[in-house]
Protein backbone atom coordinates (compact mmCIF):
# COMPACT_ATOMS: atom_id res chain seq x y z
CA MET A 1 48.11 46.99 -96.90
CA LYS A 2 47.65 50.81 -97.10
CA VAL A 3 50.18 53.17 -98.77
CA LEU A 4 50.16 56.76 -97.97
CA VAL A 5 52.26 59.34 -100.19
CA LEU A 6 52.98 62.90 -98.75
CA VAL A 7 53.00 65.29 -101.63
CA LYS A 8 53.44 69.00 -101.85
CA TYR A 9 52.12 71.93 -103.84
CA VAL A 10 54.98 74.23 -104.89
CA PRO A 11 55.69 77.18 -107.20
CA ASP A 12 56.49 76.16 -110.77
CA ALA A 13 60.18 76.45 -111.41
CA GLN A 14 59.69 77.97 -114.89
CA PHE A 15 58.17 80.98 -113.55
CA PRO A 16 59.77 83.76 -111.49
CA ARG A 17 59.38 83.47 -107.70
CA HIS A 18 58.06 86.45 -105.66
CA PHE A 19 57.34 86.88 -101.97
CA ASP A 20 53.98 88.45 -100.75
CA ALA A 21 53.49 90.93 -97.96
CA ASN A 22 54.14 88.28 -95.25
CA ASN A 23 57.29 87.16 -96.83
CA ARG A 24 55.94 84.09 -98.14
CA LEU A 25 56.12 82.74 -101.48
CA GLU A 26 53.45 83.61 -103.93
CA ARG A 27 51.81 80.59 -105.15
CA ALA A 28 49.97 81.90 -108.31
CA GLU A 29 51.86 79.29 -110.76
CA SER A 30 52.07 76.23 -108.49
CA ILE A 31 52.12 72.47 -109.44
CA LEU A 32 52.63 69.08 -107.71
CA SER A 33 56.29 69.09 -106.67
CA GLU A 34 58.22 67.13 -109.57
CA LEU A 35 60.26 64.99 -107.04
CA ASP A 36 57.00 64.05 -105.56
CA GLU A 37 55.93 62.45 -108.72
CA TYR A 38 58.47 59.86 -108.11
CA ALA A 39 56.87 59.01 -104.83
CA VAL A 40 53.60 58.61 -106.17
CA GLU A 41 55.09 56.40 -108.90
CA ALA A 42 56.94 54.33 -106.32
CA ALA A 43 53.65 53.96 -104.39
CA LEU A 44 51.68 52.81 -107.28
CA GLN A 45 54.23 50.17 -108.25
CA ILE A 46 54.09 48.68 -104.87
CA SER A 47 50.45 48.64 -104.86
CA GLU A 48 50.37 47.26 -108.19
CA SER A 49 52.61 44.35 -107.37
CA HIS A 50 50.47 43.56 -104.18
CA GLY A 51 46.78 43.57 -105.15
CA GLY A 52 46.11 46.83 -106.47
CA ASP A 53 43.45 49.30 -104.96
CA LYS A 54 41.34 46.69 -103.68
CA VAL A 55 44.25 45.16 -101.74
CA SER A 56 46.78 47.96 -101.17
CA PRO A 57 45.09 51.23 -101.88
CA VAL A 58 47.17 54.37 -102.35
CA THR A 59 46.20 57.83 -100.81
CA VAL A 60 48.00 60.93 -101.24
CA LEU A 61 48.14 63.51 -98.56
CA THR A 62 48.76 67.30 -98.82
CA VAL A 63 49.05 70.25 -96.42
CA GLY A 64 48.54 73.62 -97.75
CA PRO A 65 46.14 76.19 -99.03
CA GLU A 66 43.07 75.72 -101.15
CA GLY A 67 45.15 75.63 -104.42
CA ALA A 68 47.21 72.70 -102.79
CA ALA A 69 44.15 70.52 -103.88
CA ALA A 70 45.89 70.47 -107.25
CA ALA A 71 48.62 68.50 -106.04
CA VAL A 72 46.13 65.98 -104.82
CA LYS A 73 44.35 66.03 -108.35
CA LYS A 74 47.42 65.29 -110.07
CA SER A 75 48.12 62.32 -108.06
CA LEU A 76 44.79 60.86 -108.47
CA GLN A 77 45.18 61.46 -112.13
CA MET A 78 48.28 59.49 -112.04
CA GLY A 79 46.43 56.67 -110.35
CA ALA A 80 46.17 56.99 -106.52
CA ALA A 81 42.75 55.83 -105.15
CA SER A 82 41.97 58.67 -102.85
CA GLY A 83 43.31 62.01 -101.23
CA VAL A 84 43.53 63.72 -98.04
CA HIS A 85 43.95 67.82 -97.91
CA VAL A 86 44.80 69.28 -94.40
CA LEU A 87 43.41 72.91 -95.00
CA ASP A 88 43.66 75.38 -92.24
CA ASP A 89 44.65 79.18 -92.18
CA ALA A 90 46.78 78.53 -88.99
CA ILE A 91 49.13 76.33 -90.76
CA ALA A 92 50.32 79.21 -93.12
CA GLY A 93 53.85 80.16 -92.33
CA SER A 94 54.99 76.82 -90.86
CA ASP A 95 58.50 75.84 -90.96
CA ALA A 96 59.52 72.19 -91.37
CA LEU A 97 59.28 71.37 -87.68
CA SER A 98 55.51 72.52 -87.36
CA THR A 99 54.65 70.98 -90.78
CA SER A 100 56.05 67.65 -89.45
CA ARG A 101 53.67 67.77 -86.41
CA VAL A 102 50.75 68.18 -88.88
CA LEU A 103 52.09 65.22 -90.95
CA GLU A 104 52.58 62.96 -87.92
CA ALA A 105 49.06 63.72 -86.91
CA ALA A 106 47.59 62.90 -90.18
CA VAL A 107 49.43 59.71 -90.48
CA ARG A 108 48.29 58.53 -87.18
CA ARG A 109 44.69 59.29 -88.26
CA LEU A 110 45.05 57.54 -91.45
CA GLN A 111 47.10 54.55 -90.16
CA PRO A 112 49.01 53.51 -93.23
CA ASP A 113 51.38 50.71 -93.36
CA LEU A 114 53.99 52.72 -95.36
CA VAL A 115 54.66 56.56 -95.86
CA VAL A 116 56.19 57.39 -99.05
CA THR A 117 57.93 60.64 -99.77
CA GLY A 118 60.02 62.49 -102.55
CA MET A 119 63.68 63.14 -101.77
CA SER A 120 63.02 66.71 -101.19
CA SER A 121 60.55 69.59 -102.10
CA THR A 122 61.47 71.87 -105.26
CA ASP A 123 60.73 75.00 -103.24
CA ALA A 124 62.48 74.89 -99.68
CA GLU A 125 64.63 71.95 -100.65
CA THR A 126 65.11 71.08 -96.93
CA GLY A 127 64.90 67.17 -97.62
CA VAL A 128 64.39 66.77 -93.46
CA LEU A 129 60.67 66.09 -93.57
CA PRO A 130 60.78 62.11 -94.25
CA SER A 131 63.14 62.00 -91.30
CA MET A 132 61.19 64.30 -89.14
CA VAL A 133 58.14 62.43 -89.57
CA ALA A 134 59.67 58.99 -88.98
CA ALA A 135 61.23 60.10 -85.87
CA ARG A 136 57.95 61.54 -84.54
CA LEU A 137 56.14 58.39 -85.45
CA GLY A 138 58.84 56.13 -84.11
CA TRP A 139 59.26 54.42 -87.26
CA PRO A 140 62.11 53.06 -89.31
CA GLN A 141 63.18 55.22 -92.35
CA LEU A 142 64.56 54.13 -95.59
CA THR A 143 65.62 57.33 -97.09
CA LEU A 144 67.02 58.25 -100.63
CA ALA A 145 66.18 54.94 -102.19
CA SER A 146 66.83 54.39 -105.90
CA GLU A 147 65.54 51.04 -105.88
CA VAL A 148 62.63 49.73 -103.70
CA THR A 149 61.47 46.12 -103.13
CA LEU A 150 58.61 44.81 -100.89
CA SER A 151 58.70 41.38 -99.81
CA GLU A 152 55.71 38.76 -101.04
CA ASP A 153 53.99 38.77 -97.73
CA ALA A 154 54.26 42.76 -97.50
CA GLY A 155 56.04 42.48 -94.20
CA THR A 156 59.55 44.03 -95.20
CA LEU A 157 61.06 46.84 -97.12
CA SER A 158 64.16 46.84 -98.77
CA VAL A 159 66.00 49.62 -100.72
CA ARG A 160 69.07 50.44 -102.66
CA ARG A 161 70.58 53.75 -101.66
CA ASP A 162 73.35 54.94 -104.07
CA GLU A 163 76.05 57.09 -102.20
CA ASP A 164 79.38 58.79 -104.10
CA ALA A 165 81.29 55.58 -103.74
CA VAL A 166 79.27 52.57 -102.48
CA SER A 167 75.50 51.51 -102.80
CA LEU A 168 73.81 50.22 -99.53
CA THR A 169 71.21 47.71 -99.28
CA LEU A 170 68.68 48.73 -96.25
CA SER A 171 65.52 46.87 -94.89
CA SER A 172 63.28 47.29 -92.41
CA PRO A 173 59.83 45.77 -91.31
CA LEU A 174 56.55 47.78 -91.88
CA PRO A 175 55.25 50.22 -90.66
CA ALA A 176 58.02 52.54 -92.28
CA VAL A 177 58.87 55.83 -93.96
CA LEU A 178 60.42 55.89 -97.33
CA SER A 179 61.74 58.56 -99.66
CA VAL A 180 62.80 57.83 -103.14
CA THR A 181 65.04 59.78 -105.27
CA ASP A 182 64.51 60.99 -109.10
CA GLN A 183 66.48 57.79 -110.19
CA ALA A 184 64.04 55.34 -108.47
CA ASN A 185 61.43 55.22 -111.51
CA GLU A 186 59.84 56.96 -114.43
CA PRO A 187 56.46 58.73 -113.39
CA ARG A 188 53.75 57.88 -115.32
CA TYR A 189 51.94 60.36 -117.45
CA PRO A 190 48.01 60.39 -117.00
CA ASN A 191 46.19 59.46 -120.08
CA PHE A 192 42.56 60.85 -120.90
CA LYS A 193 40.79 58.01 -119.04
CA SER A 194 42.69 58.24 -115.76
CA ILE A 195 42.00 62.26 -115.80
CA LEU A 196 38.41 61.30 -116.08
CA GLY A 197 38.39 58.75 -113.41
CA ALA A 198 40.03 61.08 -111.26
CA ARG A 199 37.00 63.11 -111.02
CA LYS A 200 35.21 60.42 -109.22
CA LYS A 201 37.75 59.56 -106.40
CA PRO A 202 37.24 60.70 -102.90
CA VAL A 203 39.11 63.54 -101.52
CA GLU A 204 38.79 64.33 -97.78
CA THR A 205 39.24 67.80 -96.28
CA ILE A 206 40.49 67.97 -92.64
CA SER A 207 41.34 70.60 -90.10
CA LEU A 208 43.60 71.02 -87.29
CA ALA A 209 40.84 70.51 -84.99
CA GLU A 210 40.09 67.02 -86.66
CA LEU A 211 43.77 66.17 -86.40
CA GLY A 212 43.76 67.27 -82.37
CA LEU A 213 46.16 70.02 -82.89
CA SER A 214 45.79 73.62 -81.54
CA ALA A 215 47.00 76.50 -83.62
CA ASP A 216 49.82 77.38 -81.31
CA LEU A 217 51.84 74.25 -82.61
CA VAL A 218 51.86 75.38 -86.29
CA GLY A 219 52.44 78.58 -88.17
CA ALA A 220 54.70 80.98 -86.86
CA ALA A 221 53.86 80.12 -83.20
CA GLY A 222 55.11 76.60 -83.56
CA SER A 223 58.11 77.14 -85.95
CA ALA A 224 61.71 76.98 -84.48
CA VAL A 225 63.05 79.43 -87.71
CA SER A 226 61.92 83.01 -87.79
CA LEU A 227 62.20 84.56 -91.54
CA LEU A 228 63.51 88.09 -90.86
CA GLU A 229 63.63 89.40 -94.08
CA ALA A 230 62.92 88.34 -98.00
CA GLY A 231 63.21 89.83 -101.39
CA ASP A 232 63.95 89.18 -104.85
CA ALA A 233 67.57 87.90 -105.99
CA PRO A 234 69.72 91.06 -107.33
CA ALA A 235 70.19 91.24 -111.14
CA ARG A 236 73.42 89.52 -112.07
CA ALA A 237 76.36 91.85 -112.86
CA ALA A 238 77.78 91.74 -116.19
CA GLY A 239 80.76 89.68 -116.58
CA ARG A 240 84.28 90.64 -117.68
CA VAL A 241 85.03 89.97 -121.39
CA ILE A 242 88.60 89.14 -121.98
CA VAL A 243 89.68 90.09 -125.80
CA ASP A 244 92.47 87.91 -127.17
CA ASP A 245 95.01 90.43 -128.04
CA GLY A 246 97.72 88.12 -127.57
CA SER A 247 97.83 88.32 -123.77
CA ALA A 248 94.45 86.73 -123.01
CA GLY A 249 96.22 83.81 -121.34
CA VAL A 250 97.89 85.89 -118.69
CA ALA A 251 94.75 88.00 -118.02
CA LEU A 252 92.79 84.93 -117.57
CA VAL A 253 95.30 83.59 -115.20
CA ASP A 254 95.53 86.88 -113.37
CA PHE A 255 91.71 86.98 -113.32
CA LEU A 256 91.40 83.65 -111.57
CA ALA A 257 94.35 84.27 -109.15
CA ASP A 258 92.87 87.65 -107.98
CA ARG A 259 89.63 85.52 -106.98
CA LYS A 260 91.91 82.56 -105.37
CA LEU A 261 90.59 80.10 -107.79
CA LEU A 262 94.05 78.66 -108.91
């Protein structure tokens, strides 16, 4: 069984975010998306319970600029066996729709039995790519899983999805697309040995041409969404301070009533 994890290189949320001249997020301070670490951990646990690297190898795949190789590197340090980086200048500016085309083509090239993703990215936060990729592939999708179980014969995947009032148990045969939430596990922290070992693991870089895709299917040309304008969020205005001079309660009620919050 082959397991493929889709990971993303995103701006670090600890730093301010800015747009460049093309209205694209600057990625000077970027990391592996935190929510994708849960996907990598889920894939590693599945692999370890079904023979490890020799029987069920885990490959990580990212799509992005040269710096996105750092997301693959971190995943290899966590324990993935190999990485794939789809690198092509034409991909810049792709929306979720055109990105899903690239991911579909890459999945078909790599032919995994299971595709694993996080619940969302920490930059765009669309949460739609697992479903888009599954739809393009024509595979079952088990999304937003908080618990994952693969049958002993590695033929059936079962998950628990926790909703507001109920928990659902879903299952499907492989191949399938799985997305996991941040409640599914606790991602492991790379130790010194795994960091050194990651340097020897293979990483393949592939282009759009190698995936059989033309440039007009990605980037702005292949996107259904057009970004018209972007800029930094305005500074927050100072709030109102109500001093308790004996009438603070009335002032607070009036303040809330004016904003129709009562």
